[in-house]
N, C-alpha and C. Protein backbone atom coordinates (compact mmCIF):
# COMPACT_ATOMS: atom_id res chain seq x y z
N MET A 1 68.90 83.20 26.48
CA MET A 1 68.21 83.58 27.70
C MET A 1 68.20 82.37 28.61
N SER A 2 68.53 82.56 29.82
CA SER A 2 68.61 81.44 30.77
C SER A 2 67.69 81.72 31.94
N PHE A 3 67.17 80.59 32.48
CA PHE A 3 66.27 80.69 33.64
C PHE A 3 66.97 80.09 34.84
N SER A 4 66.83 80.80 35.92
CA SER A 4 67.36 80.25 37.17
C SER A 4 66.24 79.47 37.85
N SER A 5 66.62 78.74 38.88
CA SER A 5 65.61 77.97 39.61
C SER A 5 64.59 78.90 40.25
N ALA A 6 64.99 80.09 40.60
CA ALA A 6 64.06 81.06 41.18
C ALA A 6 63.05 81.51 40.14
N ASP A 7 63.52 81.66 38.88
CA ASP A 7 62.61 82.07 37.82
C ASP A 7 61.59 80.97 37.52
N ILE A 8 62.06 79.75 37.57
CA ILE A 8 61.13 78.62 37.30
C ILE A 8 60.06 78.56 38.37
N LYS A 9 60.47 78.82 39.62
CA LYS A 9 59.47 78.84 40.69
C LYS A 9 58.45 79.94 40.46
N GLU A 10 58.93 81.08 39.98
CA GLU A 10 58.04 82.21 39.69
C GLU A 10 57.09 81.87 38.53
N LEU A 11 57.61 81.17 37.49
CA LEU A 11 56.82 80.86 36.30
C LEU A 11 55.88 79.65 36.49
N LYS A 12 56.21 78.85 37.49
CA LYS A 12 55.47 77.61 37.69
C LYS A 12 53.97 77.90 37.82
N TRP A 13 53.61 78.88 38.63
CA TRP A 13 52.18 79.17 38.84
C TRP A 13 51.54 79.79 37.61
N SER A 14 52.32 80.59 36.92
CA SER A 14 51.79 81.18 35.68
C SER A 14 51.54 80.11 34.63
N LEU A 15 52.52 79.15 34.51
CA LEU A 15 52.36 78.06 33.54
C LEU A 15 51.16 77.16 33.91
N LEU A 16 51.02 76.94 35.21
CA LEU A 16 49.90 76.12 35.67
C LEU A 16 48.58 76.82 35.37
N SER A 17 48.52 78.12 35.60
CA SER A 17 47.31 78.89 35.30
C SER A 17 47.02 78.86 33.81
N PHE A 18 48.10 78.97 32.99
CA PHE A 18 47.94 78.94 31.54
C PHE A 18 47.40 77.58 31.08
N ALA A 19 47.95 76.52 31.65
CA ALA A 19 47.50 75.15 31.29
C ALA A 19 46.05 74.95 31.69
N LEU A 20 45.72 75.44 32.89
CA LEU A 20 44.31 75.31 33.33
C LEU A 20 43.39 76.12 32.44
N SER A 21 43.85 77.31 32.02
CA SER A 21 43.03 78.14 31.12
C SER A 21 42.82 77.44 29.78
N LEU A 22 43.91 76.80 29.25
CA LEU A 22 43.78 76.07 27.99
C LEU A 22 42.79 74.91 28.14
N ALA A 23 42.91 74.18 29.26
CA ALA A 23 42.00 73.05 29.49
C ALA A 23 40.55 73.53 29.60
N LEU A 24 40.37 74.63 30.36
CA LEU A 24 39.03 75.18 30.51
C LEU A 24 38.47 75.66 29.18
N ALA A 25 39.33 76.29 28.36
CA ALA A 25 38.90 76.76 27.04
C ALA A 25 38.50 75.58 26.16
N ALA A 26 39.29 74.49 26.22
CA ALA A 26 38.97 73.30 25.42
C ALA A 26 37.63 72.71 25.84
N VAL A 27 37.40 72.67 27.19
CA VAL A 27 36.12 72.15 27.70
C VAL A 27 34.97 73.01 27.22
N LEU A 28 35.17 74.35 27.30
CA LEU A 28 34.11 75.27 26.89
C LEU A 28 33.83 75.16 25.39
N VAL A 29 34.89 75.03 24.58
CA VAL A 29 34.70 74.88 23.12
C VAL A 29 33.95 73.59 22.83
N ASN A 30 34.34 72.51 23.51
CA ASN A 30 33.68 71.22 23.31
C ASN A 30 32.21 71.29 23.75
N TYR A 31 31.97 71.92 24.88
CA TYR A 31 30.60 72.07 25.39
C TYR A 31 29.77 72.89 24.41
N SER A 32 30.36 73.98 23.89
CA SER A 32 29.66 74.83 22.93
C SER A 32 29.31 74.06 21.66
N ALA A 33 30.27 73.25 21.18
CA ALA A 33 30.02 72.45 19.97
C ALA A 33 28.89 71.45 20.21
N ASN A 34 28.93 70.78 21.39
CA ASN A 34 27.88 69.83 21.73
C ASN A 34 26.52 70.52 21.87
N PHE A 35 26.55 71.70 22.50
CA PHE A 35 25.32 72.46 22.71
C PHE A 35 24.74 72.89 21.36
N GLN A 36 25.60 73.33 20.44
CA GLN A 36 25.14 73.74 19.12
C GLN A 36 24.58 72.55 18.35
N HIS A 37 25.25 71.40 18.44
CA HIS A 37 24.78 70.18 17.77
C HIS A 37 23.41 69.78 18.31
N GLN A 38 23.27 69.81 19.64
CA GLN A 38 21.99 69.45 20.27
C GLN A 38 20.89 70.43 19.88
N ALA A 39 21.25 71.71 19.83
CA ALA A 39 20.27 72.73 19.44
C ALA A 39 19.80 72.50 18.01
N LEU A 40 20.72 72.13 17.10
CA LEU A 40 20.34 71.85 15.72
C LEU A 40 19.41 70.63 15.65
N GLN A 41 19.74 69.59 16.44
CA GLN A 41 18.89 68.40 16.46
C GLN A 41 17.50 68.75 17.00
N ASP A 42 17.47 69.55 18.08
CA ASP A 42 16.18 69.96 18.66
C ASP A 42 15.36 70.76 17.64
N ARG A 43 16.05 71.62 16.89
CA ARG A 43 15.37 72.42 15.88
C ARG A 43 14.79 71.54 14.79
N GLN A 44 15.58 70.55 14.32
CA GLN A 44 15.09 69.63 13.29
C GLN A 44 13.90 68.84 13.80
N THR A 45 13.99 68.37 15.06
CA THR A 45 12.87 67.63 15.66
C THR A 45 11.63 68.51 15.73
N ALA A 46 11.81 69.76 16.16
CA ALA A 46 10.69 70.69 16.25
C ALA A 46 10.08 70.95 14.88
N GLN A 47 10.93 71.06 13.84
CA GLN A 47 10.43 71.28 12.48
C GLN A 47 9.63 70.07 12.00
N ARG A 48 10.16 68.86 12.30
CA ARG A 48 9.43 67.64 11.91
C ARG A 48 8.06 67.59 12.62
N GLN A 49 8.07 67.92 13.92
CA GLN A 49 6.82 67.89 14.68
C GLN A 49 5.83 68.93 14.13
N LEU A 50 6.36 70.08 13.74
CA LEU A 50 5.51 71.12 13.16
C LEU A 50 4.90 70.65 11.84
N ILE A 51 5.72 70.01 11.01
CA ILE A 51 5.22 69.49 9.73
C ILE A 51 4.16 68.42 9.97
N GLU A 52 4.41 67.52 10.94
CA GLU A 52 3.44 66.47 11.25
C GLU A 52 2.15 67.08 11.78
N ALA A 53 2.28 68.10 12.65
CA ALA A 53 1.09 68.76 13.19
C ALA A 53 0.29 69.43 12.08
N ARG A 54 1.00 70.08 11.14
CA ARG A 54 0.31 70.72 10.01
C ARG A 54 -0.40 69.68 9.15
N ASN A 55 0.28 68.55 8.91
CA ASN A 55 -0.34 67.47 8.12
C ASN A 55 -1.58 66.93 8.81
N GLN A 56 -1.49 66.75 10.14
CA GLN A 56 -2.64 66.24 10.89
C GLN A 56 -3.79 67.25 10.86
N LEU A 57 -3.45 68.53 10.98
CA LEU A 57 -4.47 69.57 10.90
C LEU A 57 -5.13 69.57 9.53
N TYR A 58 -4.30 69.45 8.48
CA TYR A 58 -4.82 69.42 7.11
C TYR A 58 -5.74 68.21 6.91
N ALA A 59 -5.31 67.05 7.44
CA ALA A 59 -6.13 65.84 7.31
C ALA A 59 -7.44 66.00 8.07
N ALA A 60 -7.38 66.60 9.26
CA ALA A 60 -8.60 66.81 10.05
C ALA A 60 -9.54 67.77 9.34
N GLN A 61 -8.99 68.82 8.73
CA GLN A 61 -9.83 69.76 7.99
C GLN A 61 -10.47 69.08 6.79
N ASN A 62 -9.69 68.22 6.09
CA ASN A 62 -10.25 67.46 4.96
C ASN A 62 -11.36 66.53 5.42
N ASP A 63 -11.12 65.84 6.56
CA ASP A 63 -12.13 64.93 7.10
C ASP A 63 -13.41 65.70 7.43
N GLN A 64 -13.24 66.88 8.02
CA GLN A 64 -14.40 67.68 8.37
C GLN A 64 -15.17 68.11 7.12
N GLN A 65 -14.44 68.52 6.08
CA GLN A 65 -15.09 68.90 4.83
C GLN A 65 -15.80 67.69 4.20
N ASN A 66 -15.11 66.52 4.24
CA ASN A 66 -15.73 65.31 3.69
C ASN A 66 -16.99 64.94 4.45
N MET A 67 -16.91 65.03 5.78
CA MET A 67 -18.09 64.69 6.58
C MET A 67 -19.25 65.61 6.25
N ALA A 68 -18.96 66.89 6.09
CA ALA A 68 -20.03 67.85 5.77
C ALA A 68 -20.62 67.55 4.39
N SER A 69 -19.74 67.24 3.42
CA SER A 69 -20.23 67.01 2.06
C SER A 69 -20.97 65.68 1.94
N TYR A 70 -20.58 64.67 2.75
CA TYR A 70 -21.25 63.38 2.67
C TYR A 70 -22.39 63.23 3.66
N GLN A 71 -22.58 64.20 4.53
CA GLN A 71 -23.63 64.11 5.55
C GLN A 71 -25.01 63.94 4.91
N LEU A 72 -25.28 64.74 3.87
CA LEU A 72 -26.59 64.66 3.21
C LEU A 72 -26.80 63.29 2.57
N GLU A 73 -25.73 62.77 1.93
CA GLU A 73 -25.85 61.44 1.32
C GLU A 73 -26.07 60.37 2.38
N TYR A 74 -25.35 60.48 3.50
CA TYR A 74 -25.51 59.51 4.59
C TYR A 74 -26.94 59.54 5.12
N GLU A 75 -27.46 60.76 5.34
CA GLU A 75 -28.82 60.88 5.86
C GLU A 75 -29.84 60.34 4.85
N ALA A 76 -29.58 60.54 3.55
CA ALA A 76 -30.48 60.00 2.53
C ALA A 76 -30.47 58.47 2.55
N LEU A 77 -29.29 57.87 2.73
CA LEU A 77 -29.20 56.41 2.81
C LEU A 77 -29.90 55.88 4.06
N GLN A 78 -29.81 56.63 5.16
CA GLN A 78 -30.53 56.23 6.36
C GLN A 78 -32.04 56.29 6.13
N ALA A 79 -32.50 57.38 5.49
CA ALA A 79 -33.93 57.52 5.21
C ALA A 79 -34.43 56.41 4.29
N GLU A 80 -33.58 55.99 3.35
CA GLU A 80 -33.94 54.91 2.43
C GLU A 80 -33.80 53.53 3.08
N LYS A 81 -33.32 53.50 4.31
CA LYS A 81 -33.11 52.26 5.08
C LYS A 81 -32.08 51.35 4.43
N VAL A 82 -31.10 51.98 3.76
CA VAL A 82 -29.96 51.22 3.23
C VAL A 82 -28.96 50.98 4.35
N ILE A 83 -28.83 51.94 5.26
CA ILE A 83 -27.94 51.80 6.41
C ILE A 83 -28.75 51.25 7.57
N GLY A 84 -28.29 50.14 8.14
CA GLY A 84 -28.99 49.52 9.26
C GLY A 84 -29.22 48.04 8.99
N ASN A 85 -30.23 47.51 9.66
CA ASN A 85 -30.56 46.10 9.53
C ASN A 85 -31.31 45.82 8.24
N GLU A 86 -31.38 44.56 7.89
CA GLU A 86 -32.15 44.12 6.73
C GLU A 86 -33.61 44.54 6.90
N GLN A 87 -34.21 45.06 5.84
CA GLN A 87 -35.59 45.57 5.89
C GLN A 87 -36.54 44.68 5.07
N ARG A 88 -36.54 43.41 5.37
CA ARG A 88 -37.27 42.43 4.56
C ARG A 88 -38.78 42.76 4.49
N LEU A 89 -39.39 43.13 5.61
CA LEU A 89 -40.83 43.45 5.59
C LEU A 89 -41.13 44.64 4.71
N ASP A 90 -40.28 45.67 4.77
CA ASP A 90 -40.47 46.84 3.90
C ASP A 90 -40.36 46.45 2.44
N TRP A 91 -39.41 45.58 2.12
CA TRP A 91 -39.25 45.15 0.72
C TRP A 91 -40.49 44.40 0.23
N ILE A 92 -40.99 43.50 1.09
CA ILE A 92 -42.18 42.72 0.70
C ILE A 92 -43.38 43.65 0.51
N GLU A 93 -43.55 44.62 1.44
CA GLU A 93 -44.65 45.57 1.29
C GLU A 93 -44.51 46.37 0.00
N GLY A 94 -43.27 46.80 -0.31
CA GLY A 94 -43.04 47.55 -1.54
C GLY A 94 -43.35 46.73 -2.77
N LEU A 95 -42.96 45.46 -2.76
CA LEU A 95 -43.23 44.59 -3.91
C LEU A 95 -44.73 44.37 -4.11
N GLU A 96 -45.46 44.25 -3.00
CA GLU A 96 -46.91 44.07 -3.10
C GLU A 96 -47.59 45.35 -3.61
N LYS A 97 -47.04 46.51 -3.26
CA LYS A 97 -47.57 47.77 -3.81
C LYS A 97 -47.33 47.82 -5.32
N LEU A 98 -46.16 47.34 -5.75
CA LEU A 98 -45.87 47.28 -7.19
C LEU A 98 -46.84 46.33 -7.91
N ARG A 99 -47.16 45.24 -7.26
CA ARG A 99 -48.11 44.29 -7.87
C ARG A 99 -49.47 44.98 -8.09
N ALA A 100 -49.86 45.79 -7.08
CA ALA A 100 -51.16 46.48 -7.18
C ALA A 100 -51.17 47.52 -8.29
N LEU A 101 -49.98 48.06 -8.66
CA LEU A 101 -49.92 49.05 -9.73
C LEU A 101 -50.20 48.44 -11.10
N GLY A 102 -50.05 47.13 -11.23
CA GLY A 102 -50.35 46.44 -12.48
C GLY A 102 -49.40 46.80 -13.62
N LEU A 103 -48.15 47.00 -13.30
CA LEU A 103 -47.17 47.35 -14.34
C LEU A 103 -46.83 46.17 -15.24
N VAL A 104 -47.02 44.96 -14.71
CA VAL A 104 -46.81 43.73 -15.50
C VAL A 104 -48.02 42.84 -15.27
N LEU A 105 -48.13 41.76 -16.04
CA LEU A 105 -49.27 40.85 -15.87
C LEU A 105 -49.25 40.22 -14.48
N ASP A 106 -48.09 39.75 -14.07
CA ASP A 106 -47.94 39.16 -12.73
C ASP A 106 -46.46 38.91 -12.48
N PHE A 107 -46.11 38.72 -11.21
CA PHE A 107 -44.74 38.32 -10.89
C PHE A 107 -44.71 37.57 -9.57
N LYS A 108 -43.73 36.70 -9.47
CA LYS A 108 -43.46 35.97 -8.23
C LYS A 108 -42.03 36.30 -7.84
N TYR A 109 -41.76 36.26 -6.54
CA TYR A 109 -40.41 36.59 -6.07
C TYR A 109 -40.03 35.71 -4.89
N SER A 110 -38.75 35.61 -4.68
CA SER A 110 -38.22 34.86 -3.54
C SER A 110 -36.99 35.61 -3.03
N ILE A 111 -36.98 35.93 -1.72
CA ILE A 111 -35.84 36.62 -1.12
C ILE A 111 -35.09 35.62 -0.24
N SER A 112 -33.84 35.36 -0.56
CA SER A 112 -33.01 34.39 0.17
C SER A 112 -32.41 35.03 1.43
N PRO A 113 -31.89 34.20 2.35
CA PRO A 113 -31.26 34.75 3.57
C PRO A 113 -30.10 35.70 3.25
N GLN A 114 -29.94 36.66 4.11
CA GLN A 114 -28.89 37.66 3.94
C GLN A 114 -27.51 37.02 4.06
N GLN A 115 -26.55 37.56 3.30
CA GLN A 115 -25.17 37.08 3.34
C GLN A 115 -24.22 38.26 3.19
N ALA A 116 -22.97 38.04 3.57
CA ALA A 116 -21.96 39.10 3.41
C ALA A 116 -21.75 39.37 1.93
N TYR A 117 -21.57 40.65 1.61
CA TYR A 117 -21.38 41.05 0.21
C TYR A 117 -19.95 41.50 0.00
N VAL A 118 -19.29 40.89 -0.98
CA VAL A 118 -17.92 41.27 -1.34
C VAL A 118 -17.94 41.72 -2.79
N PRO A 119 -17.88 43.05 -3.03
CA PRO A 119 -17.91 43.51 -4.41
C PRO A 119 -16.63 43.17 -5.16
N ALA A 120 -16.73 43.14 -6.48
CA ALA A 120 -15.55 42.92 -7.32
C ALA A 120 -15.40 44.12 -8.24
N PRO A 121 -14.30 44.84 -8.19
CA PRO A 121 -13.15 44.64 -7.28
C PRO A 121 -13.50 45.00 -5.85
N PRO A 122 -12.71 44.48 -4.88
CA PRO A 122 -13.00 44.76 -3.47
C PRO A 122 -13.04 46.26 -3.19
N LEU A 123 -13.89 46.63 -2.23
CA LEU A 123 -14.13 48.03 -1.92
C LEU A 123 -13.88 48.25 -0.44
N ASP A 124 -13.18 49.34 -0.10
CA ASP A 124 -12.99 49.71 1.30
C ASP A 124 -14.27 50.37 1.79
N SER A 125 -14.99 49.69 2.68
CA SER A 125 -16.30 50.19 3.11
C SER A 125 -16.22 51.06 4.36
N ASP A 126 -15.02 51.44 4.79
CA ASP A 126 -14.82 52.43 5.87
C ASP A 126 -15.66 52.14 7.11
N GLY A 127 -15.47 50.97 7.70
CA GLY A 127 -16.14 50.67 8.97
C GLY A 127 -17.55 50.14 8.82
N PHE A 128 -18.00 49.89 7.60
CA PHE A 128 -19.33 49.34 7.38
C PHE A 128 -19.23 47.92 6.86
N ALA A 129 -20.12 47.06 7.35
CA ALA A 129 -20.24 45.70 6.81
C ALA A 129 -21.30 45.76 5.70
N LEU A 130 -20.96 45.24 4.53
CA LEU A 130 -21.90 45.20 3.41
C LEU A 130 -22.59 43.85 3.39
N ASN A 131 -23.93 43.87 3.31
CA ASN A 131 -24.70 42.64 3.28
C ASN A 131 -25.61 42.64 2.07
N PHE A 132 -25.94 41.44 1.61
CA PHE A 132 -26.72 41.28 0.40
C PHE A 132 -27.78 40.23 0.62
N SER A 133 -29.03 40.57 0.28
CA SER A 133 -30.15 39.62 0.38
C SER A 133 -30.59 39.28 -1.04
N PRO A 134 -30.16 38.13 -1.58
CA PRO A 134 -30.47 37.79 -2.98
C PRO A 134 -31.98 37.63 -3.21
N MET A 135 -32.44 38.08 -4.37
CA MET A 135 -33.85 37.95 -4.73
C MET A 135 -33.96 37.49 -6.19
N THR A 136 -34.87 36.56 -6.43
CA THR A 136 -35.18 36.14 -7.80
C THR A 136 -36.62 36.55 -8.12
N LEU A 137 -36.87 36.85 -9.37
CA LEU A 137 -38.19 37.26 -9.84
C LEU A 137 -38.56 36.47 -11.09
N GLN A 138 -39.81 35.99 -11.14
CA GLN A 138 -40.37 35.40 -12.35
C GLN A 138 -41.51 36.32 -12.76
N ILE A 139 -41.40 36.91 -13.93
CA ILE A 139 -42.32 37.99 -14.34
C ILE A 139 -43.01 37.62 -15.65
N ASP A 140 -44.33 37.81 -15.67
CA ASP A 140 -45.12 37.64 -16.91
C ASP A 140 -45.33 39.01 -17.54
N LEU A 141 -44.95 39.15 -18.82
CA LEU A 141 -44.98 40.44 -19.51
C LEU A 141 -45.76 40.36 -20.82
N LEU A 142 -46.31 41.50 -21.19
CA LEU A 142 -46.86 41.62 -22.55
C LEU A 142 -45.76 42.01 -23.52
N HIS A 143 -44.83 42.88 -23.04
CA HIS A 143 -43.72 43.33 -23.89
C HIS A 143 -42.56 43.76 -23.00
N GLU A 144 -41.38 43.92 -23.63
CA GLU A 144 -40.16 44.20 -22.88
C GLU A 144 -40.21 45.50 -22.09
N GLU A 145 -40.92 46.48 -22.59
CA GLU A 145 -40.95 47.79 -21.92
C GLU A 145 -41.54 47.69 -20.52
N GLN A 146 -42.46 46.74 -20.33
CA GLN A 146 -43.04 46.56 -18.99
C GLN A 146 -41.96 46.21 -17.97
N LEU A 147 -40.97 45.44 -18.40
CA LEU A 147 -39.88 45.07 -17.50
C LEU A 147 -39.12 46.31 -17.04
N LEU A 148 -38.86 47.22 -17.96
CA LEU A 148 -38.16 48.47 -17.62
C LEU A 148 -38.99 49.30 -16.65
N HIS A 149 -40.30 49.37 -16.89
CA HIS A 149 -41.17 50.14 -16.00
C HIS A 149 -41.20 49.53 -14.60
N LEU A 150 -41.21 48.20 -14.54
CA LEU A 150 -41.25 47.53 -13.24
C LEU A 150 -40.01 47.85 -12.41
N PHE A 151 -38.82 47.77 -13.02
CA PHE A 151 -37.60 48.02 -12.26
C PHE A 151 -37.42 49.51 -11.94
N SER A 152 -37.92 50.37 -12.81
CA SER A 152 -37.90 51.80 -12.50
C SER A 152 -38.78 52.08 -11.29
N ALA A 153 -39.96 51.47 -11.26
CA ALA A 153 -40.87 51.65 -10.12
C ALA A 153 -40.30 51.01 -8.86
N LEU A 154 -39.58 49.90 -9.02
CA LEU A 154 -38.96 49.25 -7.87
C LEU A 154 -37.98 50.19 -7.18
N HIS A 155 -37.25 50.97 -7.97
CA HIS A 155 -36.28 51.92 -7.39
C HIS A 155 -36.97 53.14 -6.79
N THR A 156 -38.08 53.56 -7.36
CA THR A 156 -38.70 54.81 -6.90
C THR A 156 -39.79 54.59 -5.85
N HIS A 157 -40.42 53.40 -5.82
CA HIS A 157 -41.56 53.18 -4.93
C HIS A 157 -41.27 52.27 -3.74
N THR A 158 -40.07 51.75 -3.64
CA THR A 158 -39.77 50.87 -2.50
C THR A 158 -38.56 51.40 -1.73
N MET A 159 -38.54 51.11 -0.44
CA MET A 159 -37.41 51.48 0.40
C MET A 159 -36.29 50.47 0.16
N GLY A 160 -35.04 50.94 0.27
CA GLY A 160 -33.90 50.05 0.13
C GLY A 160 -33.16 50.28 -1.18
N TRP A 161 -32.14 49.47 -1.36
CA TRP A 161 -31.25 49.62 -2.50
C TRP A 161 -31.18 48.28 -3.23
N PHE A 162 -31.96 48.16 -4.31
CA PHE A 162 -32.00 46.91 -5.08
C PHE A 162 -31.00 47.00 -6.21
N MET A 163 -30.21 45.94 -6.36
CA MET A 163 -29.23 45.87 -7.45
C MET A 163 -29.62 44.70 -8.35
N LEU A 164 -29.90 45.01 -9.61
CA LEU A 164 -30.26 43.98 -10.58
C LEU A 164 -29.00 43.35 -11.14
N ASP A 165 -28.94 42.02 -11.13
CA ASP A 165 -27.78 41.31 -11.66
C ASP A 165 -28.00 40.94 -13.13
N HIS A 166 -29.10 40.24 -13.41
CA HIS A 166 -29.36 39.86 -14.80
C HIS A 166 -30.83 39.45 -14.97
N CYS A 167 -31.28 39.46 -16.23
CA CYS A 167 -32.60 38.97 -16.60
C CYS A 167 -32.48 38.14 -17.88
N SER A 168 -33.30 37.14 -17.97
CA SER A 168 -33.39 36.39 -19.22
C SER A 168 -34.86 36.35 -19.65
N LEU A 169 -35.10 36.47 -20.95
CA LEU A 169 -36.46 36.50 -21.49
C LEU A 169 -36.72 35.24 -22.31
N SER A 170 -37.92 34.74 -22.18
CA SER A 170 -38.33 33.61 -23.01
C SER A 170 -39.65 33.95 -23.69
N GLY A 171 -40.02 33.17 -24.71
CA GLY A 171 -41.16 33.50 -25.57
C GLY A 171 -42.52 33.25 -24.94
N ALA A 172 -43.57 33.41 -25.79
CA ALA A 172 -44.97 33.40 -25.35
C ALA A 172 -45.42 32.02 -24.90
N GLU A 173 -46.37 32.03 -23.96
CA GLU A 173 -47.06 30.81 -23.53
C GLU A 173 -48.55 31.10 -23.52
N THR A 174 -49.33 30.12 -23.81
CA THR A 174 -50.78 30.29 -23.75
C THR A 174 -51.32 29.31 -22.72
N GLN A 175 -52.09 29.86 -21.76
CA GLN A 175 -52.71 29.01 -20.73
C GLN A 175 -54.19 29.37 -20.70
N GLY A 176 -55.00 28.60 -21.41
CA GLY A 176 -56.43 28.91 -21.52
C GLY A 176 -56.61 30.22 -22.26
N GLU A 177 -57.29 31.17 -21.63
CA GLU A 177 -57.52 32.46 -22.28
C GLU A 177 -56.42 33.45 -21.96
N ALA A 178 -55.62 33.19 -20.89
CA ALA A 178 -54.55 34.12 -20.50
C ALA A 178 -53.34 33.93 -21.40
N VAL A 179 -52.88 35.01 -21.97
CA VAL A 179 -51.72 34.94 -22.85
C VAL A 179 -50.62 35.82 -22.28
N SER A 180 -49.43 35.24 -22.11
CA SER A 180 -48.26 36.00 -21.68
C SER A 180 -47.28 36.00 -22.84
N ALA A 181 -47.04 37.19 -23.39
CA ALA A 181 -46.15 37.28 -24.55
C ALA A 181 -44.72 36.92 -24.18
N LEU A 182 -44.31 37.29 -22.96
CA LEU A 182 -42.93 37.05 -22.53
C LEU A 182 -42.90 36.62 -21.08
N LYS A 183 -41.89 35.83 -20.77
CA LYS A 183 -41.59 35.51 -19.38
C LYS A 183 -40.17 35.98 -19.09
N ALA A 184 -39.97 36.63 -17.96
CA ALA A 184 -38.64 37.09 -17.57
C ALA A 184 -38.23 36.40 -16.28
N GLU A 185 -37.00 35.93 -16.26
CA GLU A 185 -36.39 35.38 -15.04
C GLU A 185 -35.27 36.35 -14.66
N CYS A 186 -35.41 36.99 -13.52
CA CYS A 186 -34.44 38.02 -13.10
C CYS A 186 -33.84 37.68 -11.74
N ALA A 187 -32.61 38.10 -11.57
CA ALA A 187 -31.92 37.89 -10.29
C ALA A 187 -31.22 39.19 -9.89
N GLY A 188 -31.19 39.42 -8.61
CA GLY A 188 -30.53 40.61 -8.05
C GLY A 188 -30.54 40.50 -6.55
N GLY A 189 -30.67 41.60 -5.89
CA GLY A 189 -30.73 41.54 -4.43
C GLY A 189 -30.73 42.90 -3.79
N TRP A 190 -30.93 42.89 -2.49
CA TRP A 190 -31.01 44.11 -1.68
C TRP A 190 -29.71 44.29 -0.91
N LEU A 191 -29.11 45.45 -1.08
CA LEU A 191 -27.85 45.76 -0.40
C LEU A 191 -28.14 46.59 0.84
N THR A 192 -27.56 46.20 1.96
CA THR A 192 -27.65 46.99 3.18
C THR A 192 -26.25 47.18 3.76
N MET A 193 -26.08 48.28 4.49
CA MET A 193 -24.80 48.61 5.13
C MET A 193 -25.05 48.76 6.62
N LYS A 194 -24.17 48.17 7.41
CA LYS A 194 -24.31 48.28 8.85
C LYS A 194 -22.95 48.58 9.46
N SER A 195 -22.94 49.54 10.38
CA SER A 195 -21.68 49.91 11.04
C SER A 195 -21.14 48.69 11.79
N LYS A 196 -19.85 48.44 11.63
CA LYS A 196 -19.22 47.28 12.29
C LYS A 196 -19.20 47.45 13.80
N SER A 197 -19.32 48.70 14.27
CA SER A 197 -19.33 48.94 15.72
C SER A 197 -20.73 48.86 16.31
N ALA A 198 -21.77 48.78 15.45
CA ALA A 198 -23.14 48.72 15.93
C ALA A 198 -23.41 47.33 16.51
N PRO A 199 -24.31 47.24 17.52
CA PRO A 199 -24.62 45.93 18.12
C PRO A 199 -25.40 45.05 17.17
């Protein structure tokens, strides 16, 4: 089959149209592939965002449940004056009330200046500063059980949160007619919590 120059002139426009159609088809295929790739990426991004949003919602719901469950404990600590400033006057008044109860023969105490408290092992206090006011006690006892009664009453009859560290007992002393079967030297302190954002 042979083509004349007239036939080539006739085919020239058809070939040009065919070439343009091929080029346009290639562009459209490439655009479609890019569009599909972008759509897949957008879908993955949307799925990640949905998962993150669900996780945040779950965390918020957990926080809300935790706040509700700990609200009563928080309010109890506020009522006990564990949360807030040091309550030195309340502690002294409570100790004097204990003295009046006569649970032991006598006791002396000393409350040292407040200091930062770092528990062992360290504890995440969630925005609260923990403070400790050390206290020492010298107690005259007739018998060991009085010591237990005194510290039980200290927890139930005084405001605040007292933590006993240790006690040591020594034997009897006689001073005139007064007899003390035992002497106890005890150390501990008052724990308070204060919000780090509070003035």
